[in-house]
Amino acid sequence: MYSTLNASSAVPLNAKIYFAHPYASWERGTNENTNGLIRPYIPKSSNFMHLTKVDILFIENRLNSLPRKCIGFIQPIFKKSLLHLILESERT
């Protein structure tokens, strides 16, 4: 059911892939931070089968509405909108 990602996947994608070591959370900063943001909504060892699409969209919206330091304290949802506006203005 699950596919395995390995270094050979980088060739057809023309992308660099970095693998973190098991149990080395400091190598996955953004991932671990995002997990921490999700935990209030979905506690550890929760059964994801009970989540509805509405539940997931609610959590997604909440996370995308949080200002992020890495993008100048702009909310990701607005960053996407701003990028879209810039790209549209460059086309005209």
C-alpha atoms as a PDB file:
ATOM      1  CA  MET A   1       0.000   0.000   0.000  1.00  0.00           C
ATOM      2  CA  TYR A   2       2.825   2.425   0.815  1.00  0.00           C
ATOM      3  CA  SER A   3       5.547   3.193  -1.673  1.00  0.00           C
ATOM      4  CA  THR A   4       9.153   3.580  -0.653  1.00  0.00           C
ATOM      5  CA  LEU A   5      11.023   6.762  -1.520  1.00  0.00           C
ATOM      6  CA  ASN A   6      14.688   6.218  -2.221  1.00  0.00           C
ATOM      7  CA  ALA A   7      17.618   8.125  -3.695  1.00  0.00           C
ATOM      8  CA  SER A   8      16.879   6.810  -7.197  1.00  0.00           C
ATOM      9  CA  SER A   9      13.653   8.854  -7.138  1.00  0.00           C
ATOM     10  CA  ALA A  10      15.755  12.024  -7.336  1.00  0.00           C
ATOM     11  CA  VAL A  11      16.929  11.304 -10.875  1.00  0.00           C
ATOM     12  CA  PRO A  12      13.580  11.311 -12.734  1.00  0.00           C
ATOM     13  CA  LEU A  13      12.313  14.225 -10.632  1.00  0.00           C
ATOM     14  CA  ASN A  14      15.520  16.199 -11.092  1.00  0.00           C
ATOM     15  CA  ALA A  15      15.322  17.050  -7.395  1.00  0.00           C
ATOM     16  CA  LYS A  16      17.597  16.713  -4.405  1.00  0.00           C
ATOM     17  CA  ILE A  17      16.208  14.539  -1.651  1.00  0.00           C
ATOM     18  CA  TYR A  18      17.536  14.624   1.877  1.00  0.00           C
ATOM     19  CA  PHE A  19      16.808  11.876   4.380  1.00  0.00           C
ATOM     20  CA  ALA A  20      16.734  12.549   8.102  1.00  0.00           C
ATOM     21  CA  HIS A  21      18.109   9.950  10.463  1.00  0.00           C
ATOM     22  CA  PRO A  22      15.572   7.985  12.519  1.00  0.00           C
ATOM     23  CA  TYR A  23      14.838   9.575  15.894  1.00  0.00           C
ATOM     24  CA  ALA A  24      16.749  12.752  14.961  1.00  0.00           C
ATOM     25  CA  SER A  25      13.956  15.316  15.285  1.00  0.00           C
ATOM     26  CA  TRP A  26      16.455  18.208  15.090  1.00  0.00           C
ATOM     27  CA  GLU A  27      17.030  17.274  11.429  1.00  0.00           C
ATOM     28  CA  ARG A  28      13.350  17.844  10.646  1.00  0.00           C
ATOM     29  CA  GLY A  29      12.684  21.275  12.135  1.00  0.00           C
ATOM     30  CA  THR A  30       9.785  22.391   9.965  1.00  0.00           C
ATOM     31  CA  ASN A  31       8.160  18.968  10.122  1.00  0.00           C
ATOM     32  CA  GLU A  32       8.424  18.770  13.902  1.00  0.00           C
ATOM     33  CA  ASN A  33       7.133  22.333  14.292  1.00  0.00           C
ATOM     34  CA  THR A  34       4.133  21.575  12.091  1.00  0.00           C
ATOM     35  CA  ASN A  35       3.444  18.400  14.061  1.00  0.00           C
ATOM     36  CA  GLY A  36       3.393  20.526  17.215  1.00  0.00           C
ATOM     37  CA  LEU A  37       0.896  22.910  15.629  1.00  0.00           C
ATOM     38  CA  ILE A  38      -1.364  20.004  14.645  1.00  0.00           C
ATOM     39  CA  ARG A  39      -1.274  18.257  18.061  1.00  0.00           C
ATOM     40  CA  PRO A  40      -3.936  20.476  19.731  1.00  0.00           C
ATOM     41  CA  TYR A  41      -6.385  19.385  17.034  1.00  0.00           C
ATOM     42  CA  ILE A  42      -5.267  15.762  16.588  1.00  0.00           C
ATOM     43  CA  PRO A  43      -3.614  14.283  19.696  1.00  0.00           C
ATOM     44  CA  LYS A  44      -0.951  11.582  19.357  1.00  0.00           C
ATOM     45  CA  SER A  45      -2.272   8.071  18.768  1.00  0.00           C
ATOM     46  CA  SER A  46      -5.560   9.416  17.367  1.00  0.00           C
ATOM     47  CA  ASN A  47      -7.357   7.374  14.748  1.00  0.00           C
ATOM     48  CA  PHE A  48      -7.346   9.388  11.531  1.00  0.00           C
ATOM     49  CA  MET A  49     -10.178   7.276  10.151  1.00  0.00           C
ATOM     50  CA  HIS A  50     -12.591   9.276  12.322  1.00  0.00           C
ATOM     51  CA  LEU A  51     -11.564  12.624  10.828  1.00  0.00           C
ATOM     52  CA  THR A  52     -13.884  14.074   8.228  1.00  0.00           C
ATOM     53  CA  LYS A  53     -12.856  16.222   5.292  1.00  0.00           C
ATOM     54  CA  VAL A  54     -14.393  19.184   7.123  1.00  0.00           C
ATOM     55  CA  ASP A  55     -12.178  18.474  10.161  1.00  0.00           C
ATOM     56  CA  ILE A  56      -9.060  18.392   8.012  1.00  0.00           C
ATOM     57  CA  LEU A  57     -10.023  21.553   6.108  1.00  0.00           C
ATOM     58  CA  PHE A  58     -10.636  23.340   9.420  1.00  0.00           C
ATOM     59  CA  ILE A  59      -7.170  22.398  10.711  1.00  0.00           C
ATOM     60  CA  GLU A  60      -5.586  23.317   7.376  1.00  0.00           C
ATOM     61  CA  ASN A  61      -7.251  26.729   7.433  1.00  0.00           C
ATOM     62  CA  ARG A  62      -6.154  27.366  11.024  1.00  0.00           C
ATOM     63  CA  LEU A  63      -2.529  26.466  10.231  1.00  0.00           C
ATOM     64  CA  ASN A  64      -2.483  28.551   7.049  1.00  0.00           C
ATOM     65  CA  SER A  65      -3.862  31.523   8.991  1.00  0.00           C
ATOM     66  CA  LEU A  66      -0.923  31.590  11.443  1.00  0.00           C
ATOM     67  CA  PRO A  67       1.743  34.217  10.680  1.00  0.00           C
ATOM     68  CA  ARG A  68       5.135  32.618   9.958  1.00  0.00           C
ATOM     69  CA  LYS A  69       8.504  34.142  10.790  1.00  0.00           C
ATOM     70  CA  CYS A  70      10.165  32.567   7.720  1.00  0.00           C
ATOM     71  CA  ILE A  71       7.918  34.585   5.375  1.00  0.00           C
ATOM     72  CA  GLY A  72       8.084  37.902   7.213  1.00  0.00           C
ATOM     73  CA  PHE A  73       5.225  37.191   9.644  1.00  0.00           C
ATOM     74  CA  ILE A  74       2.740  36.985   6.787  1.00  0.00           C
ATOM     75  CA  GLN A  75       0.034  34.359   6.918  1.00  0.00           C
ATOM     76  CA  PRO A  76       0.717  31.596   4.361  1.00  0.00           C
ATOM     77  CA  ILE A  77      -2.819  31.911   3.032  1.00  0.00           C
ATOM     78  CA  PHE A  78      -2.149  35.559   2.140  1.00  0.00           C
ATOM     79  CA  LYS A  79       1.360  34.818   0.859  1.00  0.00           C
ATOM     80  CA  LYS A  80      -0.215  32.521  -1.741  1.00  0.00           C
ATOM     81  CA  SER A  81      -2.728  35.221  -2.681  1.00  0.00           C
ATOM     82  CA  LEU A  82       0.012  37.851  -2.956  1.00  0.00           C
ATOM     83  CA  LEU A  83       2.142  35.577  -5.120  1.00  0.00           C
ATOM     84  CA  HIS A  84      -0.834  34.906  -7.384  1.00  0.00           C
ATOM     85  CA  LEU A  85      -1.486  38.657  -7.734  1.00  0.00           C
ATOM     86  CA  ILE A  86       2.170  39.365  -8.547  1.00  0.00           C
ATOM     87  CA  LEU A  87       2.290  36.635 -11.170  1.00  0.00           C
ATOM     88  CA  GLU A  88      -0.947  37.873 -12.749  1.00  0.00           C
ATOM     89  CA  SER A  89       0.321  41.474 -12.856  1.00  0.00           C
ATOM     90  CA  GLU A  90       3.550  40.344 -14.557  1.00  0.00           C
ATOM     91  CA  ARG A  91       1.566  38.630 -17.316  1.00  0.00           C
ATOM     92  CA  THR A  92      -0.201  41.847 -18.286  1.00  0.00           C
END
